[in-house]
Amino acid sequence: MDTPASYLNMAIKASLKAGEEILKIYNRDFSVAYKDDKSPLTEADLISNSIIKAELRHTSIPIISEESKQDSYALRKTWSQCWIVDPIDGTKEFIKKNGEFTVNIALVEKGITQLGIIYVPVSKELYYTDPKKSRAYKTIVSDVNGPLNSFLFSDKDLIKPSMEQGETIRVVGSRSHMNQDTLNYVKSLEKIGKQVEIVSKGSSLKFCLVAEGKADIYPRFAPTMEWDTAAGQAICEAVGLKVIDQQTLNPIQYNKENLTNNYFLVSQ
């Protein structure tokens, strides 16, 4: 019988296997295509997508992935659970070869994240929640083909963010998507007397910065899709942070009719 623990193991195995194939392409020359929305697409995105879907199909839970055709909302709204996958989050970073791209996998139930995995193929860093999303961990995977029980859930890997802000507020900004609305937010903090330091990272690693206590706030006042945020939200919520939709003022919900997120804020 499938359990949250078995789902987590399957998702981690899928992310590690996809990461290995991604690296094979990353370490050689590759071509870049562009989708209708002008976003880049590489063969690594497609191979990763194929691997992850093949692994997760063993769960019989439907999948929403950036690189797959989406089912109609008439069908999706009948799902009690679904996987939300970004085979490569940060394709622009992948193309730049700066290492700041990730594999994102989250399990969602009735719109709420249940577990999340973010894997960084270049550094072998694995961020993941426990099966109940009550804690989160960061592990360096020394052997991606080794047994999972050899490196999962070590107390030394437990993420324990500092909940105390210093005199300077560290605000996460994107390398590729820093826009005027975000700059205006930063100015609003400065107007009330806050000292602001901008901390830059690509992809879903921005969530990880806040989860680890290396940044205080992540304002995302630019378009994102559900697959960009689901895994990061699960990890942040597992360590006690909030990921708040700035229109509803509630946590971001998933498997919506429109898979585009509203602006959101990650904070304590």
Protein backbone atom coordinates (compact mmCIF):
# COMPACT_ATOMS: atom_id res chain seq x y z
CA MET A 1 0.00 0.00 0.00
CA ASP A 2 1.36 3.42 -0.95
CA THR A 3 2.07 5.77 1.94
CA PRO A 4 3.39 9.35 2.23
CA ALA A 5 6.83 7.86 2.96
CA SER A 6 6.76 5.72 -0.18
CA TYR A 7 5.60 8.70 -2.25
CA LEU A 8 8.50 10.75 -0.89
CA ASN A 9 10.99 7.99 -1.73
CA MET A 10 9.65 7.68 -5.28
CA ALA A 11 9.84 11.43 -5.82
CA ILE A 12 13.39 11.65 -4.47
CA LYS A 13 14.52 8.75 -6.67
CA ALA A 14 12.89 10.44 -9.66
CA SER A 15 14.66 13.74 -8.94
CA LEU A 16 18.07 12.08 -8.54
CA LYS A 17 17.69 10.00 -11.69
CA ALA A 18 16.56 13.04 -13.68
CA GLY A 19 19.41 15.08 -12.25
CA GLU A 20 22.02 12.62 -13.51
CA GLU A 21 20.67 12.78 -17.05
CA ILE A 22 20.42 16.57 -16.89
CA LEU A 23 24.10 16.79 -15.96
CA LYS A 24 25.14 14.71 -18.97
CA ILE A 25 23.60 17.36 -21.22
CA TYR A 26 24.75 20.29 -19.06
CA ASN A 27 28.37 19.18 -19.40
CA ARG A 28 28.34 19.22 -23.20
CA ASP A 29 27.13 21.52 -25.94
CA PHE A 30 23.36 21.63 -26.40
CA SER A 31 20.85 23.54 -28.48
CA VAL A 32 18.11 25.82 -27.18
CA ALA A 33 14.59 26.14 -28.59
CA TYR A 34 11.90 28.61 -27.56
CA LYS A 35 8.27 27.94 -26.68
CA ASP A 36 5.34 30.09 -27.73
CA ASP A 37 5.72 32.21 -24.59
CA LYS A 38 9.39 32.85 -25.52
CA SER A 39 10.69 30.79 -22.60
CA PRO A 40 13.68 28.57 -23.41
CA LEU A 41 13.51 24.79 -23.80
CA THR A 42 16.38 22.29 -23.98
CA GLU A 43 16.58 18.55 -24.48
CA ALA A 44 17.43 18.32 -20.80
CA ASP A 45 13.97 19.69 -19.87
CA LEU A 46 12.32 17.00 -21.99
CA ILE A 47 14.49 14.10 -20.82
CA SER A 48 14.02 15.10 -17.18
CA ASN A 49 10.27 15.32 -17.71
CA SER A 50 10.17 11.87 -19.27
CA ILE A 51 12.16 10.28 -16.43
CA ILE A 52 10.13 11.88 -13.66
CA LYS A 53 6.79 11.00 -15.22
CA ALA A 54 7.89 7.39 -15.72
CA GLU A 55 8.90 7.11 -12.06
CA LEU A 56 5.82 8.83 -10.63
CA ARG A 57 3.37 6.84 -12.74
CA HIS A 58 3.94 3.97 -10.29
CA THR A 59 1.88 5.97 -7.79
CA SER A 60 -1.17 6.24 -10.10
CA ILE A 61 -1.46 9.89 -9.06
CA PRO A 62 -1.95 12.31 -11.99
CA ILE A 63 0.82 14.74 -12.87
CA ILE A 64 0.91 18.43 -13.73
CA SER A 65 4.26 19.19 -15.35
CA GLU A 66 5.56 22.26 -17.11
CA GLU A 67 6.73 20.20 -20.07
CA SER A 68 3.53 18.21 -20.60
CA LYS A 69 0.20 19.10 -22.15
CA GLN A 70 -2.19 20.01 -19.35
CA ASP A 71 -5.43 18.12 -18.80
CA SER A 72 -8.62 20.15 -18.86
CA TYR A 73 -9.77 21.74 -15.63
CA ALA A 74 -13.00 19.77 -15.97
CA LEU A 75 -10.88 16.66 -15.37
CA ARG A 76 -8.31 18.18 -13.02
CA LYS A 77 -10.89 19.49 -10.58
CA THR A 78 -11.95 15.89 -9.90
CA TRP A 79 -8.46 14.99 -8.66
CA SER A 80 -8.02 14.73 -4.90
CA GLN A 81 -4.24 14.48 -5.32
CA CYS A 82 -1.71 15.38 -7.98
CA TRP A 83 2.01 15.72 -8.51
CA ILE A 84 3.29 19.12 -9.59
CA VAL A 85 6.60 18.93 -11.43
CA ASP A 86 9.13 21.30 -12.91
CA PRO A 87 11.68 19.08 -14.69
CA ILE A 88 14.19 21.95 -14.74
CA ASP A 89 13.35 25.06 -12.79
CA GLY A 90 15.71 27.77 -13.98
CA THR A 91 16.29 26.78 -17.59
CA LYS A 92 17.85 30.21 -18.12
CA GLU A 93 20.35 29.40 -15.38
CA PHE A 94 20.97 25.99 -16.97
CA ILE A 95 21.76 27.71 -20.27
CA LYS A 96 24.08 30.18 -18.52
CA LYS A 97 25.80 27.21 -16.83
CA ASN A 98 25.87 28.89 -13.42
CA GLY A 99 24.56 25.79 -11.60
CA GLU A 100 21.52 27.53 -10.11
CA PHE A 101 18.83 25.28 -11.57
CA THR A 102 16.77 22.62 -9.83
CA VAL A 103 14.42 19.70 -10.22
CA ASN A 104 11.14 20.40 -8.39
CA ILE A 105 8.57 17.79 -7.36
CA ALA A 106 5.63 18.35 -4.99
CA LEU A 107 2.63 16.30 -3.97
CA VAL A 108 -0.60 18.25 -3.58
CA GLU A 109 -3.86 17.18 -1.96
CA LYS A 110 -7.00 19.29 -2.32
CA GLY A 111 -4.90 22.27 -3.34
CA ILE A 112 -2.46 22.04 -0.41
CA THR A 113 1.15 20.88 -0.65
CA GLN A 114 1.82 17.63 1.22
CA LEU A 115 5.51 17.15 0.51
CA GLY A 116 8.21 18.77 -1.58
CA ILE A 117 11.59 17.98 -3.12
CA ILE A 118 14.10 20.38 -4.66
CA TYR A 119 17.24 18.79 -6.09
CA VAL A 120 20.25 20.77 -7.33
CA PRO A 121 22.08 18.49 -9.81
CA VAL A 122 25.34 20.45 -9.98
CA SER A 123 25.94 20.68 -6.21
CA LYS A 124 24.08 17.44 -5.34
CA GLU A 125 22.09 19.38 -2.70
CA LEU A 126 18.74 17.79 -1.92
CA TYR A 127 16.07 19.75 -0.04
CA TYR A 128 13.04 17.74 1.05
CA THR A 129 10.28 17.58 3.60
CA ASP A 130 9.50 14.61 5.78
CA PRO A 131 6.41 12.58 4.79
CA LYS A 132 4.14 14.71 7.00
CA LYS A 133 5.63 18.07 5.93
CA SER A 134 6.45 18.77 9.57
CA ARG A 135 10.21 19.16 9.06
CA ALA A 136 12.58 19.83 6.18
CA TYR A 137 16.11 18.71 5.45
CA LYS A 138 19.08 19.62 3.27
CA THR A 139 21.35 16.73 2.33
CA ILE A 140 24.42 16.50 0.10
CA VAL A 141 23.92 13.31 -1.89
CA SER A 142 27.29 11.58 -2.19
CA ASP A 143 25.94 8.58 -4.11
CA VAL A 144 22.85 9.27 -6.20
CA ASN A 145 22.48 5.53 -6.86
CA GLY A 146 22.84 4.52 -3.22
CA PRO A 147 20.00 3.42 -0.93
CA LEU A 148 17.90 6.33 0.26
CA ASN A 149 17.93 5.17 3.87
CA SER A 150 21.69 5.74 3.90
CA PHE A 151 21.31 9.53 3.78
CA LEU A 152 17.72 10.59 4.49
CA PHE A 153 16.48 12.20 7.72
CA SER A 154 19.80 12.74 9.46
CA ASP A 155 19.45 15.14 12.39
CA LYS A 156 22.54 17.02 11.19
CA ASP A 157 20.69 17.84 7.94
CA LEU A 158 17.61 19.29 9.64
CA ILE A 159 16.86 22.82 8.41
CA LYS A 160 16.45 25.18 11.35
CA PRO A 161 16.02 28.75 10.11
CA SER A 162 16.64 31.64 12.44
CA MET A 163 13.37 33.37 13.27
CA GLU A 164 15.11 36.55 14.44
CA GLN A 165 15.72 39.35 11.97
CA GLY A 166 18.80 41.50 12.34
CA GLU A 167 19.03 45.22 11.66
CA THR A 168 19.25 44.53 7.93
CA ILE A 169 16.42 42.81 6.08
CA ARG A 170 17.77 40.40 3.48
CA VAL A 171 15.39 40.40 0.53
CA VAL A 172 15.60 37.69 -2.11
CA GLY A 173 15.74 38.99 -5.66
CA SER A 174 15.89 37.02 -8.88
CA ARG A 175 18.89 37.07 -11.23
CA SER A 176 16.53 36.91 -14.22
CA HIS A 177 13.22 38.45 -13.08
CA MET A 178 13.87 41.52 -10.87
CA ASN A 179 11.13 43.91 -11.99
CA GLN A 180 9.79 47.32 -11.04
CA ASP A 181 7.10 45.99 -8.67
CA THR A 182 9.77 44.17 -6.68
CA LEU A 183 12.00 47.24 -6.66
CA ASN A 184 9.05 49.29 -5.41
CA TYR A 185 8.55 46.82 -2.56
CA VAL A 186 12.20 47.18 -1.60
CA LYS A 187 11.83 50.98 -1.63
CA SER A 188 8.77 50.69 0.63
CA LEU A 189 10.90 48.87 3.22
CA GLU A 190 13.56 51.54 2.99
CA LYS A 191 10.98 54.31 3.44
CA ILE A 192 10.00 52.89 6.84
CA GLY A 193 13.64 52.95 7.93
CA LYS A 194 14.74 49.42 7.10
CA GLN A 195 18.19 48.64 5.79
CA VAL A 196 17.82 46.27 2.85
CA GLU A 197 20.30 43.81 1.41
CA ILE A 198 19.41 42.09 -1.87
CA VAL A 199 20.29 38.39 -1.99
CA SER A 200 20.24 36.90 -5.48
CA LYS A 201 19.65 33.30 -6.53
CA GLY A 202 18.15 31.57 -9.52
CA SER A 203 15.21 29.16 -9.68
CA SER A 204 13.49 27.70 -6.59
CA LEU A 205 16.72 28.15 -4.64
CA LYS A 206 15.18 31.49 -3.63
CA PHE A 207 12.73 29.57 -1.42
CA CYS A 208 15.64 27.59 0.02
CA LEU A 209 17.50 30.77 0.99
CA VAL A 210 14.61 31.83 3.21
CA ALA A 211 14.04 28.30 4.54
CA GLU A 212 17.69 28.09 5.61
CA GLY A 213 17.66 31.53 7.21
CA LYS A 214 20.06 32.99 4.66
CA ALA A 215 17.41 35.56 3.68
CA ASP A 216 14.42 37.05 5.49
CA ILE A 217 11.83 37.78 2.81
CA TYR A 218 11.15 36.62 -0.72
CA PRO A 219 8.70 38.92 -2.55
CA ARG A 220 7.74 37.55 -5.96
CA PHE A 221 5.84 40.29 -7.72
CA ALA A 222 6.16 38.83 -11.18
CA PRO A 223 4.46 35.93 -12.99
CA THR A 224 5.13 32.36 -11.86
CA MET A 225 3.41 29.05 -12.50
CA GLU A 226 2.37 26.43 -9.99
CA TRP A 227 5.32 24.19 -10.87
CA ASP A 228 7.69 27.04 -10.02
CA THR A 229 6.48 27.27 -6.42
CA ALA A 230 4.85 24.07 -5.11
CA ALA A 231 8.00 22.28 -3.92
CA GLY A 232 9.51 25.46 -2.48
CA GLN A 233 6.31 26.27 -0.65
CA ALA A 234 6.20 22.80 0.90
CA ILE A 235 9.77 23.16 2.17
CA CYS A 236 9.19 26.67 3.54
CA GLU A 237 5.97 25.70 5.28
CA ALA A 238 7.68 22.65 6.82
CA VAL A 239 10.10 24.98 8.64
CA GLY A 240 7.37 27.36 9.80
CA LEU A 241 7.41 30.01 7.07
CA LYS A 242 4.41 31.39 5.18
CA VAL A 243 3.97 31.60 1.42
CA ILE A 244 1.10 34.04 1.00
CA ASP A 245 -0.83 34.86 -2.16
CA GLN A 246 -1.00 38.66 -2.24
CA GLN A 247 -4.54 38.72 -3.67
CA THR A 248 -6.25 36.14 -1.44
CA LEU A 249 -3.93 36.72 1.58
CA ASN A 250 -3.97 32.96 2.07
CA PRO A 251 -1.32 30.35 1.25
CA ILE A 252 -0.97 29.67 -2.48
CA GLN A 253 -3.41 27.00 -3.62
CA TYR A 254 -2.63 24.43 -6.32
CA ASN A 255 -4.33 22.68 -9.22
CA LYS A 256 -6.31 25.85 -9.86
CA GLU A 257 -8.21 26.43 -13.08
CA ASN A 258 -5.54 28.97 -14.02
CA LEU A 259 -2.13 27.50 -13.21
CA THR A 260 -0.56 30.97 -13.06
CA ASN A 261 0.12 32.20 -9.53
CA ASN A 262 -0.71 35.61 -8.19
CA TYR A 263 2.08 37.68 -6.67
CA PHE A 264 3.25 36.13 -3.39
CA LEU A 265 5.43 36.79 -0.36
CA VAL A 266 7.55 34.30 1.59
CA SER A 267 8.23 35.39 5.18
CA GLN A 268 7.95 34.42 8.82
